[in-house]
Structure formats: C-alpha cells, structure tokens
Amino acid sequence: MAGTNSERELLAEGPAIVLVEPQLGENIGMVARAMANFGLSELRLVKPRDGWPSEKARSAASKADHVIDATCVFDTLEEAVADLNFLYATTARERDGFKPVRAPMDAAATLRTKFGAGEKTGILFGRERWGLTNEEVALADEVVTFPVNPAFASLNIAQAVLLMSYEWMKSGMEDVSETRFQAVEQRPATKEQLFGLFDQVEEALDARGYFRPAGKKPRMVENLRAVLSRRAFTEPEISVLRGVFATFDRYSRQNPRGGWRETAGDTSDDGGDTD
C-alpha cells in the first residue's frame, strides 16, 4: 500500500486510545489506521456494539494489523482505564465541572512528558452519535477539546483520534517543520546554460516568424528573457526545456516524432521519420 514501508522502524508507543461503546467496525478500523499513521498502537474498546474481533474493522484499518491484533475489549470504562496514571477525555461540548480544559497541542505535550516519566496515559473518546456522558468525563483528569467551527463542532471518531494522534507525533519532534523526505538536490544552472536556452528559444521562434513586426523584436526578446529568468533554474530543468524546444526544430505537426499521423481528409503517408 502507498506510504507503507516494512523496512522502516515501526513506531508503537504512547497513550492508550480508549473508545467507549463504538458502534461500527469500520469506524474502529479507521481509528486504528489513524493511530498507526502517527505511532500509537494501544487501542482499548469498551463494549463495542457489534462485538470483537471484527473483519470490517481489520479491512478499514488498511494494514494497521498490529493495532487491530493487540486491541483489548472491556466490559466497563472503569476496567479499561484502571491501570492508567493519567487520562484525558475529549469533548466538543461545554461541561459542568472543575476539570481543566486543554487544547490538543498542550494536551499532547503533557502526555509526552508523562510518557517520558514512565507513566501510563490514555485518551478517552465517546460514542459516534453523542460522545461521552458527564459521568464518564468525570473519570478523566483533564478535558481536551478541538478548535472547530462552533456552529458545526461534531467530528467523527476517527477524525478526533487522528487529530490527537497527530499532535502526539508532533510533540516528539525536535523541529515541527521537519519533513519525512526532501526533493532531490539539483545543481543550479550556470548563466552560460541559461544563455544557451535563450539563444535556442529565440532562434526557433525567429525561424517561425514569431517576432512580428520586426521593429518590436528587441522588446519581445527582452520580455521572453525576463519570463525565462524569473526563477533560478537547475541544470536538469534547463536540460528538459532544451529537449522540448529541440523537438520543435526536429519535428513539425505534419511530420511528428514517431512517423506519419493521419489527419482529417488526408490518409496519405507524410514521409515522416520513424523511431
């Protein structure tokens, strides 16, 4: 599958993801996939409606089998979080109570600190249709909520897990602007190579009567060079462009590369070159 690489290190650590009474196996699978994307691996389910294991969940997990295979099922939320030292509850609604409310970035930083100290942590997510009860939120140490459209704050469960998993991954990065890969490094073109491109393009256009009327040619050449020099080309880019323009010299619409081309009303061989 695109994006997967069995030869790379598989990250599998961090807080447990606890789903309370999830309904659809497909949603659980998408949660597992989101977790695996960002290095989480411990999934706990409280009374999944359609039972466990679930082939629909495995299919939706898109090869996040290490998460699916290690998933634990509990009869009560209390049992699911009994061994945890610290627990966040996620909610989009204002709640009555005295729980501190954190943004995802701050919550992830707290989880990372506690993880580094050897504490067991978790993040609690509610039902697809109506989330967590106040009693369930009360079992958590703090609340985390997302900066969403106040008039449309509902997230599906996989989206919510993905957002927190993403913040977890970021919290462990020394540089949050770091990317997994970079563009292939290329040598910048020299001015001599750029001038060669100018000469080639101008000669090809001149041969086709582009610079008309003649009195405007200097200005048209100036504009063309300005366009071609607006950015710093690399050597491979200059090579690509010159190859394109060289094709204009070697072949025409009537004699294309690869041989003759049939046109409307003309089925004769145009005598073009063949490869």
C-alpha atoms as a PDB file:
ATOM      1  CA  MET A   1       0.000   0.000   0.000  1.00  0.00           C
ATOM      2  CA  ALA A   2       1.229   3.503  -0.828  1.00  0.00           C
ATOM      3  CA  GLY A   3       3.074   5.098   2.071  1.00  0.00           C
ATOM      4  CA  THR A   4       3.891   1.880   3.915  1.00  0.00           C
ATOM      5  CA  ASN A   5       7.416   0.542   4.195  1.00  0.00           C
ATOM      6  CA  SER A   6       8.142  -2.617   6.179  1.00  0.00           C
ATOM      7  CA  GLU A   7      11.870  -1.842   6.134  1.00  0.00           C
ATOM      8  CA  ARG A   8      11.462   1.289   8.259  1.00  0.00           C
ATOM      9  CA  GLU A   9      11.126   1.433  12.041  1.00  0.00           C
ATOM     10  CA  LEU A  10       7.521   0.958  13.191  1.00  0.00           C
ATOM     11  CA  LEU A  11       6.641   3.442  15.918  1.00  0.00           C
ATOM     12  CA  ALA A  12       4.329   1.873  18.502  1.00  0.00           C
ATOM     13  CA  GLU A  13       4.199   3.740  21.791  1.00  0.00           C
ATOM     14  CA  GLY A  14       2.413   6.493  23.658  1.00  0.00           C
ATOM     15  CA  PRO A  15      -1.004   6.837  25.295  1.00  0.00           C
ATOM     16  CA  ALA A  16      -3.764   4.279  25.011  1.00  0.00           C
ATOM     17  CA  ILE A  17      -6.752   5.223  22.873  1.00  0.00           C
ATOM     18  CA  VAL A  18      -9.989   4.275  24.659  1.00  0.00           C
ATOM     19  CA  LEU A  19     -13.239   4.109  22.680  1.00  0.00           C
ATOM     20  CA  VAL A  20     -16.476   3.937  24.669  1.00  0.00           C
ATOM     21  CA  GLU A  21     -19.170   1.778  23.069  1.00  0.00           C
ATOM     22  CA  PRO A  22     -18.065   2.244  19.447  1.00  0.00           C
ATOM     23  CA  GLN A  23     -20.776   1.221  17.021  1.00  0.00           C
ATOM     24  CA  LEU A  24     -19.325   0.348  13.632  1.00  0.00           C
ATOM     25  CA  GLY A  25     -16.391  -1.933  12.941  1.00  0.00           C
ATOM     26  CA  GLU A  26     -15.426   0.349  10.050  1.00  0.00           C
ATOM     27  CA  ASN A  27     -15.027   3.269  12.451  1.00  0.00           C
ATOM     28  CA  ILE A  28     -12.825   1.225  14.759  1.00  0.00           C
ATOM     29  CA  GLY A  29     -10.685   0.246  11.786  1.00  0.00           C
ATOM     30  CA  MET A  30     -10.282   3.858  10.697  1.00  0.00           C
ATOM     31  CA  VAL A  31      -9.289   4.741  14.251  1.00  0.00           C
ATOM     32  CA  ALA A  32      -6.622   2.012  14.147  1.00  0.00           C
ATOM     33  CA  ARG A  33      -5.331   3.370  10.863  1.00  0.00           C
ATOM     34  CA  ALA A  34      -5.128   6.920  12.249  1.00  0.00           C
ATOM     35  CA  MET A  35      -3.257   5.647  15.303  1.00  0.00           C
ATOM     36  CA  ALA A  36      -0.769   3.708  13.200  1.00  0.00           C
ATOM     37  CA  ASN A  37      -0.164   6.751  10.992  1.00  0.00           C
ATOM     38  CA  PHE A  38       1.206   8.663  13.971  1.00  0.00           C
ATOM     39  CA  GLY A  39       2.901   5.995  16.045  1.00  0.00           C
ATOM     40  CA  LEU A  40       0.192   4.957  18.516  1.00  0.00           C
ATOM     41  CA  SER A  41      -0.614   1.286  18.953  1.00  0.00           C
ATOM     42  CA  GLU A  42      -2.661   0.603  22.098  1.00  0.00           C
ATOM     43  CA  LEU A  43      -6.398   0.515  21.381  1.00  0.00           C
ATOM     44  CA  ARG A  44      -8.942  -0.285  24.067  1.00  0.00           C
ATOM     45  CA  LEU A  45     -12.662  -0.830  23.404  1.00  0.00           C
ATOM     46  CA  VAL A  46     -15.473  -0.606  25.933  1.00  0.00           C
ATOM     47  CA  LYS A  47     -18.468  -2.752  24.915  1.00  0.00           C
ATOM     48  CA  PRO A  48     -18.230  -2.450  21.109  1.00  0.00           C
ATOM     49  CA  ARG A  49     -21.794  -2.733  19.801  1.00  0.00           C
ATOM     50  CA  ASP A  50     -21.069  -5.268  17.060  1.00  0.00           C
ATOM     51  CA  GLY A  51     -18.636  -7.367  19.080  1.00  0.00           C
ATOM     52  CA  TRP A  52     -14.978  -8.176  18.604  1.00  0.00           C
ATOM     53  CA  PRO A  53     -12.991  -9.262  16.624  1.00  0.00           C
ATOM     54  CA  SER A  54     -14.309  -7.544  13.504  1.00  0.00           C
ATOM     55  CA  GLU A  55     -13.314  -8.226   9.925  1.00  0.00           C
ATOM     56  CA  LYS A  56     -14.849  -4.906   8.918  1.00  0.00           C
ATOM     57  CA  ALA A  57     -12.508  -3.176  11.355  1.00  0.00           C
ATOM     58  CA  ARG A  58      -9.484  -5.035  10.012  1.00  0.00           C
ATOM     59  CA  SER A  59     -10.386  -4.149   6.442  1.00  0.00           C
ATOM     60  CA  ALA A  60     -10.901  -0.463   7.260  1.00  0.00           C
ATOM     61  CA  ALA A  61      -7.604  -0.395   9.171  1.00  0.00           C
ATOM     62  CA  SER A  62      -5.719  -0.719   5.848  1.00  0.00           C
ATOM     63  CA  LYS A  63      -2.896  -2.952   7.119  1.00  0.00           C
ATOM     64  CA  ALA A  64      -2.688  -1.453  10.625  1.00  0.00           C
ATOM     65  CA  ASP A  65      -2.862  -5.070  11.785  1.00  0.00           C
ATOM     66  CA  HIS A  66      -0.512  -4.542  14.736  1.00  0.00           C
ATOM     67  CA  VAL A  67      -3.109  -2.211  16.259  1.00  0.00           C
ATOM     68  CA  ILE A  68      -6.066  -4.468  15.476  1.00  0.00           C
ATOM     69  CA  ASP A  69      -4.328  -7.613  16.760  1.00  0.00           C
ATOM     70  CA  ALA A  70      -3.412  -6.005  20.093  1.00  0.00           C
ATOM     71  CA  THR A  71      -6.829  -4.416  20.731  1.00  0.00           C
ATOM     72  CA  CYS A  72      -8.278  -5.152  24.171  1.00  0.00           C
ATOM     73  CA  VAL A  73     -12.005  -5.240  24.986  1.00  0.00           C
ATOM     74  CA  PHE A  74     -13.531  -4.326  28.373  1.00  0.00           C
ATOM     75  CA  ASP A  75     -16.998  -4.538  29.881  1.00  0.00           C
ATOM     76  CA  THR A  76     -16.775  -1.215  31.711  1.00  0.00           C
ATOM     77  CA  LEU A  77     -14.905   2.031  31.319  1.00  0.00           C
ATOM     78  CA  GLU A  78     -13.577   1.704  34.858  1.00  0.00           C
ATOM     79  CA  GLU A  79     -11.891  -1.575  33.919  1.00  0.00           C
ATOM     80  CA  ALA A  80     -10.493  -0.073  30.716  1.00  0.00           C
ATOM     81  CA  VAL A  81      -8.685   2.771  32.492  1.00  0.00           C
ATOM     82  CA  ALA A  82      -7.891   1.124  35.840  1.00  0.00           C
ATOM     83  CA  ASP A  83      -4.130   0.810  35.177  1.00  0.00           C
ATOM     84  CA  LEU A  84      -3.660   4.340  33.810  1.00  0.00           C
ATOM     85  CA  ASN A  85      -2.000   7.117  35.785  1.00  0.00           C
ATOM     86  CA  PHE A  86      -3.449   9.970  33.756  1.00  0.00           C
ATOM     87  CA  LEU A  87      -6.446  10.250  31.423  1.00  0.00           C
ATOM     88  CA  TYR A  88      -7.765  12.889  29.038  1.00  0.00           C
ATOM     89  CA  ALA A  89     -11.421  12.992  27.952  1.00  0.00           C
ATOM     90  CA  THR A  90     -12.205  14.508  24.551  1.00  0.00           C
ATOM     91  CA  THR A  91     -15.370  16.541  24.057  1.00  0.00           C
ATOM     92  CA  ALA A  92     -16.759  19.237  21.791  1.00  0.00           C
ATOM     93  CA  ARG A  93     -19.363  20.388  24.336  1.00  0.00           C
ATOM     94  CA  GLU A  94     -19.006  22.622  27.353  1.00  0.00           C
ATOM     95  CA  ARG A  95     -19.275  20.606  30.537  1.00  0.00           C
ATOM     96  CA  ASP A  96     -20.269  21.461  34.061  1.00  0.00           C
ATOM     97  CA  GLY A  97     -17.449  20.619  36.417  1.00  0.00           C
ATOM     98  CA  PHE A  98     -13.997  21.568  37.533  1.00  0.00           C
ATOM     99  CA  LYS A  99     -11.810  19.745  35.033  1.00  0.00           C
ATOM    100  CA  PRO A 100      -9.034  21.781  33.407  1.00  0.00           C
ATOM    101  CA  VAL A 101      -9.672  22.149  29.666  1.00  0.00           C
ATOM    102  CA  ARG A 102      -6.676  21.920  27.329  1.00  0.00           C
ATOM    103  CA  ALA A 103      -6.025  22.486  23.646  1.00  0.00           C
ATOM    104  CA  PRO A 104      -4.758  19.446  21.703  1.00  0.00           C
ATOM    105  CA  MET A 105      -1.193  20.762  21.455  1.00  0.00           C
ATOM    106  CA  ASP A 106      -0.963  21.370  25.207  1.00  0.00           C
ATOM    107  CA  ALA A 107      -2.572  18.018  25.979  1.00  0.00           C
ATOM    108  CA  ALA A 108      -0.088  16.215  23.735  1.00  0.00           C
ATOM    109  CA  ALA A 109       2.832  17.964  25.426  1.00  0.00           C
ATOM    110  CA  THR A 110       1.531  16.841  28.827  1.00  0.00           C
ATOM    111  CA  LEU A 111       1.122  13.277  27.592  1.00  0.00           C
ATOM    112  CA  ARG A 112       4.641  13.292  26.160  1.00  0.00           C
ATOM    113  CA  THR A 113       6.098  14.495  29.482  1.00  0.00           C
ATOM    114  CA  LYS A 114       4.241  11.857  31.451  1.00  0.00           C
ATOM    115  CA  PHE A 115       5.198   9.171  28.944  1.00  0.00           C
ATOM    116  CA  GLY A 116       8.835  10.151  29.337  1.00  0.00           C
ATOM    117  CA  ALA A 117       8.458   9.818  33.099  1.00  0.00           C
ATOM    118  CA  GLY A 118       7.171   6.266  32.734  1.00  0.00           C
ATOM    119  CA  GLU A 119       3.511   6.983  33.496  1.00  0.00           C
ATOM    120  CA  LYS A 120       0.712   5.147  31.721  1.00  0.00           C
ATOM    121  CA  THR A 121      -1.672   7.561  29.993  1.00  0.00           C
ATOM    122  CA  GLY A 122      -4.790   7.432  27.862  1.00  0.00           C
ATOM    123  CA  ILE A 123      -7.186   9.493  25.768  1.00  0.00           C
ATOM    124  CA  LEU A 124     -10.900   8.826  26.056  1.00  0.00           C
ATOM    125  CA  PHE A 125     -13.294   9.123  23.101  1.00  0.00           C
ATOM    126  CA  GLY A 126     -17.067   8.815  23.198  1.00  0.00           C
ATOM    127  CA  ARG A 127     -19.752   7.263  21.064  1.00  0.00           C
ATOM    128  CA  GLU A 128     -20.187   8.198  17.430  1.00  0.00           C
ATOM    129  CA  ARG A 129     -23.648   9.682  17.954  1.00  0.00           C
ATOM    130  CA  TRP A 130     -23.430  11.521  21.255  1.00  0.00           C
ATOM    131  CA  GLY A 131     -19.967  11.300  22.773  1.00  0.00           C
ATOM    132  CA  LEU A 132     -19.282  10.844  26.474  1.00  0.00           C
ATOM    133  CA  THR A 133     -21.591  11.199  29.450  1.00  0.00           C
ATOM    134  CA  ASN A 134     -20.730  13.626  32.249  1.00  0.00           C
ATOM    135  CA  GLU A 135     -20.088  10.630  34.485  1.00  0.00           C
ATOM    136  CA  GLU A 136     -17.549   9.261  32.013  1.00  0.00           C
ATOM    137  CA  VAL A 137     -15.821  12.614  31.645  1.00  0.00           C
ATOM    138  CA  ALA A 138     -15.594  12.733  35.442  1.00  0.00           C
ATOM    139  CA  LEU A 139     -13.267   9.715  35.376  1.00  0.00           C
ATOM    140  CA  ALA A 140     -10.678  11.725  33.449  1.00  0.00           C
ATOM    141  CA  ASP A 141      -8.058  14.030  34.926  1.00  0.00           C
ATOM    142  CA  GLU A 142      -8.459  16.761  32.313  1.00  0.00           C
ATOM    143  CA  VAL A 143     -10.524  17.577  29.240  1.00  0.00           C
ATOM    144  CA  VAL A 144      -9.194  18.226  25.734  1.00  0.00           C
ATOM    145  CA  THR A 145     -11.261  19.991  23.088  1.00  0.00           C
ATOM    146  CA  PHE A 146     -10.574  20.947  19.483  1.00  0.00           C
ATOM    147  CA  PRO A 147     -10.678  24.395  17.853  1.00  0.00           C
ATOM    148  CA  VAL A 148     -13.558  23.712  15.469  1.00  0.00           C
ATOM    149  CA  ASN A 149     -16.397  25.673  13.909  1.00  0.00           C
ATOM    150  CA  PRO A 150     -18.643  26.455  16.908  1.00  0.00           C
ATOM    151  CA  ALA A 151     -21.731  26.001  14.757  1.00  0.00           C
ATOM    152  CA  PHE A 152     -20.530  22.642  13.412  1.00  0.00           C
ATOM    153  CA  ALA A 153     -18.307  21.106  16.047  1.00  0.00           C
ATOM    154  CA  SER A 154     -19.104  17.430  15.535  1.00  0.00           C
ATOM    155  CA  LEU A 155     -16.158  15.248  14.492  1.00  0.00           C
ATOM    156  CA  ASN A 156     -16.413  11.595  13.648  1.00  0.00           C
ATOM    157  CA  ILE A 157     -14.464   9.351  15.947  1.00  0.00           C
ATOM    158  CA  ALA A 158     -11.638   8.605  13.501  1.00  0.00           C
ATOM    159  CA  GLN A 159     -11.144  12.322  12.818  1.00  0.00           C
ATOM    160  CA  ALA A 160     -10.918  13.077  16.517  1.00  0.00           C
ATOM    161  CA  VAL A 161      -8.409  10.275  17.099  1.00  0.00           C
ATOM    162  CA  LEU A 162      -6.363  11.393  14.098  1.00  0.00           C
ATOM    163  CA  LEU A 163      -6.136  14.970  15.404  1.00  0.00           C
ATOM    164  CA  MET A 164      -4.882  13.847  18.809  1.00  0.00           C
ATOM    165  CA  SER A 165      -2.529  11.273  17.265  1.00  0.00           C
ATOM    166  CA  TYR A 166      -1.080  13.963  15.017  1.00  0.00           C
ATOM    167  CA  GLU A 167      -0.458  16.250  17.996  1.00  0.00           C
ATOM    168  CA  TRP A 168       1.164  13.333  19.819  1.00  0.00           C
ATOM    169  CA  MET A 169       3.576  12.788  16.932  1.00  0.00           C
ATOM    170  CA  LYS A 170       4.403  16.499  16.750  1.00  0.00           C
ATOM    171  CA  SER A 171       5.117  16.632  20.481  1.00  0.00           C
ATOM    172  CA  GLY A 172       8.044  14.253  19.986  1.00  0.00           C
ATOM    173  CA  MET A 173       9.656  16.156  17.114  1.00  0.00           C
ATOM    174  CA  GLU A 174      12.642  18.421  17.691  1.00  0.00           C
ATOM    175  CA  ASP A 175      11.605  20.503  14.699  1.00  0.00           C
ATOM    176  CA  VAL A 176       7.878  20.598  13.854  1.00  0.00           C
ATOM    177  CA  SER A 177       8.700  21.806  10.337  1.00  0.00           C
ATOM    178  CA  GLU A 178      10.712  18.629   9.682  1.00  0.00           C
ATOM    179  CA  THR A 179       9.505  16.550   6.726  1.00  0.00           C
ATOM    180  CA  ARG A 180       9.934  12.833   6.066  1.00  0.00           C
ATOM    181  CA  PHE A 181      11.701  13.385   2.750  1.00  0.00           C
ATOM    182  CA  GLN A 182      13.090  16.219   0.653  1.00  0.00           C
ATOM    183  CA  ALA A 183      13.242  16.959  -3.033  1.00  0.00           C
ATOM    184  CA  VAL A 184      16.295  15.542  -4.801  1.00  0.00           C
ATOM    185  CA  GLU A 185      19.105  18.063  -4.656  1.00  0.00           C
ATOM    186  CA  GLN A 186      19.999  19.511  -8.048  1.00  0.00           C
ATOM    187  CA  ARG A 187      22.835  21.755  -9.145  1.00  0.00           C
ATOM    188  CA  PRO A 188      21.812  25.300 -10.084  1.00  0.00           C
ATOM    189  CA  ALA A 189      22.196  26.118 -13.772  1.00  0.00           C
ATOM    190  CA  THR A 190      25.019  28.414 -14.790  1.00  0.00           C
ATOM    191  CA  LYS A 191      24.401  31.666 -16.622  1.00  0.00           C
ATOM    192  CA  GLU A 192      26.072  30.122 -19.662  1.00  0.00           C
ATOM    193  CA  GLN A 193      23.451  27.342 -19.675  1.00  0.00           C
ATOM    194  CA  LEU A 194      20.664  29.888 -19.324  1.00  0.00           C
ATOM    195  CA  PHE A 195      22.073  31.969 -22.181  1.00  0.00           C
ATOM    196  CA  GLY A 196      22.153  28.811 -24.317  1.00  0.00           C
ATOM    197  CA  LEU A 197      18.454  28.327 -23.600  1.00  0.00           C
ATOM    198  CA  PHE A 198      17.756  31.934 -24.597  1.00  0.00           C
ATOM    199  CA  ASP A 199      19.598  31.519 -27.894  1.00  0.00           C
ATOM    200  CA  GLN A 200      17.851  28.254 -28.718  1.00  0.00           C
ATOM    201  CA  VAL A 201      14.352  29.542 -27.993  1.00  0.00           C
ATOM    202  CA  GLU A 202      14.888  32.846 -29.789  1.00  0.00           C
ATOM    203  CA  GLU A 203      16.321  31.179 -32.899  1.00  0.00           C
ATOM    204  CA  ALA A 204      13.453  28.660 -33.052  1.00  0.00           C
ATOM    205  CA  LEU A 205      10.849  31.391 -32.691  1.00  0.00           C
ATOM    206  CA  ASP A 206      12.581  33.655 -35.170  1.00  0.00           C
ATOM    207  CA  ALA A 207      12.617  30.875 -37.770  1.00  0.00           C
ATOM    208  CA  ARG A 208       8.851  30.545 -37.391  1.00  0.00           C
ATOM    209  CA  GLY A 209       8.113  34.257 -37.743  1.00  0.00           C
ATOM    210  CA  TYR A 210       7.209  34.820 -34.097  1.00  0.00           C
ATOM    211  CA  PHE A 211       8.902  38.216 -33.772  1.00  0.00           C
ATOM    212  CA  ARG A 212       6.478  40.376 -35.737  1.00  0.00           C
ATOM    213  CA  PRO A 213       6.506  43.209 -36.570  1.00  0.00           C
ATOM    214  CA  ALA A 214      10.288  43.363 -36.870  1.00  0.00           C
ATOM    215  CA  GLY A 215      10.502  46.665 -35.048  1.00  0.00           C
ATOM    216  CA  LYS A 216       9.112  45.060 -31.877  1.00  0.00           C
ATOM    217  CA  LYS A 217      11.596  42.174 -31.859  1.00  0.00           C
ATOM    218  CA  PRO A 218      14.027  43.702 -29.294  1.00  0.00           C
ATOM    219  CA  ARG A 219      11.205  44.308 -26.829  1.00  0.00           C
ATOM    220  CA  MET A 220       9.701  40.864 -27.421  1.00  0.00           C
ATOM    221  CA  VAL A 221      13.106  39.221 -26.874  1.00  0.00           C
ATOM    222  CA  GLU A 222      13.526  41.230 -23.663  1.00  0.00           C
ATOM    223  CA  ASN A 223      10.132  40.091 -22.389  1.00  0.00           C
ATOM    224  CA  LEU A 224      10.881  36.472 -23.295  1.00  0.00           C
ATOM    225  CA  ARG A 225      14.198  36.515 -21.449  1.00  0.00           C
ATOM    226  CA  ALA A 226      12.511  38.106 -18.436  1.00  0.00           C
ATOM    227  CA  VAL A 227       9.993  35.266 -18.308  1.00  0.00           C
ATOM    228  CA  LEU A 228      12.640  32.552 -18.649  1.00  0.00           C
ATOM    229  CA  SER A 229      14.848  34.088 -15.969  1.00  0.00           C
ATOM    230  CA  ARG A 230      12.206  34.794 -13.318  1.00  0.00           C
ATOM    231  CA  ARG A 231      13.415  31.861 -11.226  1.00  0.00           C
ATOM    232  CA  ALA A 232      16.707  30.084 -10.759  1.00  0.00           C
ATOM    233  CA  PHE A 233      16.652  27.012 -12.990  1.00  0.00           C
ATOM    234  CA  THR A 234      18.604  23.892 -12.126  1.00  0.00           C
ATOM    235  CA  GLU A 235      20.744  22.025 -14.644  1.00  0.00           C
ATOM    236  CA  PRO A 236      18.156  19.221 -15.139  1.00  0.00           C
ATOM    237  CA  GLU A 237      15.401  21.794 -15.697  1.00  0.00           C
ATOM    238  CA  ILE A 238      17.435  23.564 -18.378  1.00  0.00           C
ATOM    239  CA  SER A 239      18.059  20.173 -19.992  1.00  0.00           C
ATOM    240  CA  VAL A 240      14.327  19.384 -20.013  1.00  0.00           C
ATOM    241  CA  LEU A 241      13.397  22.716 -21.576  1.00  0.00           C
ATOM    242  CA  ARG A 242      16.076  22.479 -24.230  1.00  0.00           C
ATOM    243  CA  GLY A 243      14.927  18.979 -25.097  1.00  0.00           C
ATOM    244  CA  VAL A 244      11.381  20.298 -25.524  1.00  0.00           C
ATOM    245  CA  PHE A 245      12.437  23.146 -27.774  1.00  0.00           C
ATOM    246  CA  ALA A 246      14.782  20.898 -29.770  1.00  0.00           C
ATOM    247  CA  THR A 247      11.736  18.765 -30.616  1.00  0.00           C
ATOM    248  CA  PHE A 248      10.117  21.804 -32.244  1.00  0.00           C
ATOM    249  CA  ASP A 249      13.123  22.054 -34.590  1.00  0.00           C
ATOM    250  CA  ARG A 250      13.284  18.370 -35.466  1.00  0.00           C
ATOM    251  CA  TYR A 251       9.577  17.670 -35.977  1.00  0.00           C
ATOM    252  CA  SER A 252       6.519  19.535 -37.219  1.00  0.00           C
ATOM    253  CA  ARG A 253       2.795  18.986 -36.903  1.00  0.00           C
ATOM    254  CA  GLN A 254       2.854  17.378 -40.335  1.00  0.00           C
ATOM    255  CA  ASN A 255       5.904  15.233 -39.518  1.00  0.00           C
ATOM    256  CA  PRO A 256       5.629  14.280 -35.822  1.00  0.00           C
ATOM    257  CA  ARG A 257       8.080  12.185 -33.913  1.00  0.00           C
ATOM    258  CA  GLY A 258       7.355   8.503 -34.434  1.00  0.00           C
ATOM    259  CA  GLY A 259       6.090   8.629 -38.008  1.00  0.00           C
ATOM    260  CA  TRP A 260       3.138   9.842 -40.017  1.00  0.00           C
ATOM    261  CA  ARG A 261      -0.113  10.984 -38.447  1.00  0.00           C
ATOM    262  CA  GLU A 262      -3.476  10.697 -40.152  1.00  0.00           C
ATOM    263  CA  THR A 263      -5.427  13.942 -40.276  1.00  0.00           C
ATOM    264  CA  ALA A 264      -9.000  14.649 -41.300  1.00  0.00           C
ATOM    265  CA  GLY A 265      -9.335  14.365 -45.068  1.00  0.00           C
ATOM    266  CA  ASP A 266      -5.750  13.135 -45.536  1.00  0.00           C
ATOM    267  CA  THR A 267      -4.813   9.465 -45.339  1.00  0.00           C
ATOM    268  CA  SER A 268      -1.543   9.739 -47.242  1.00  0.00           C
ATOM    269  CA  ASP A 269       1.860   8.946 -45.742  1.00  0.00           C
ATOM    270  CA  ASP A 270       3.534  12.258 -44.903  1.00  0.00           C
ATOM    271  CA  GLY A 271       7.003  10.713 -45.108  1.00  0.00           C
ATOM    272  CA  GLY A 272       7.889  11.483 -41.525  1.00  0.00           C
ATOM    273  CA  ASP A 273      10.769   9.935 -39.645  1.00  0.00           C
ATOM    274  CA  THR A 274      10.214   6.752 -37.655  1.00  0.00           C
ATOM    275  CA  ASP A 275      11.841   5.710 -34.397  1.00  0.00           C
END
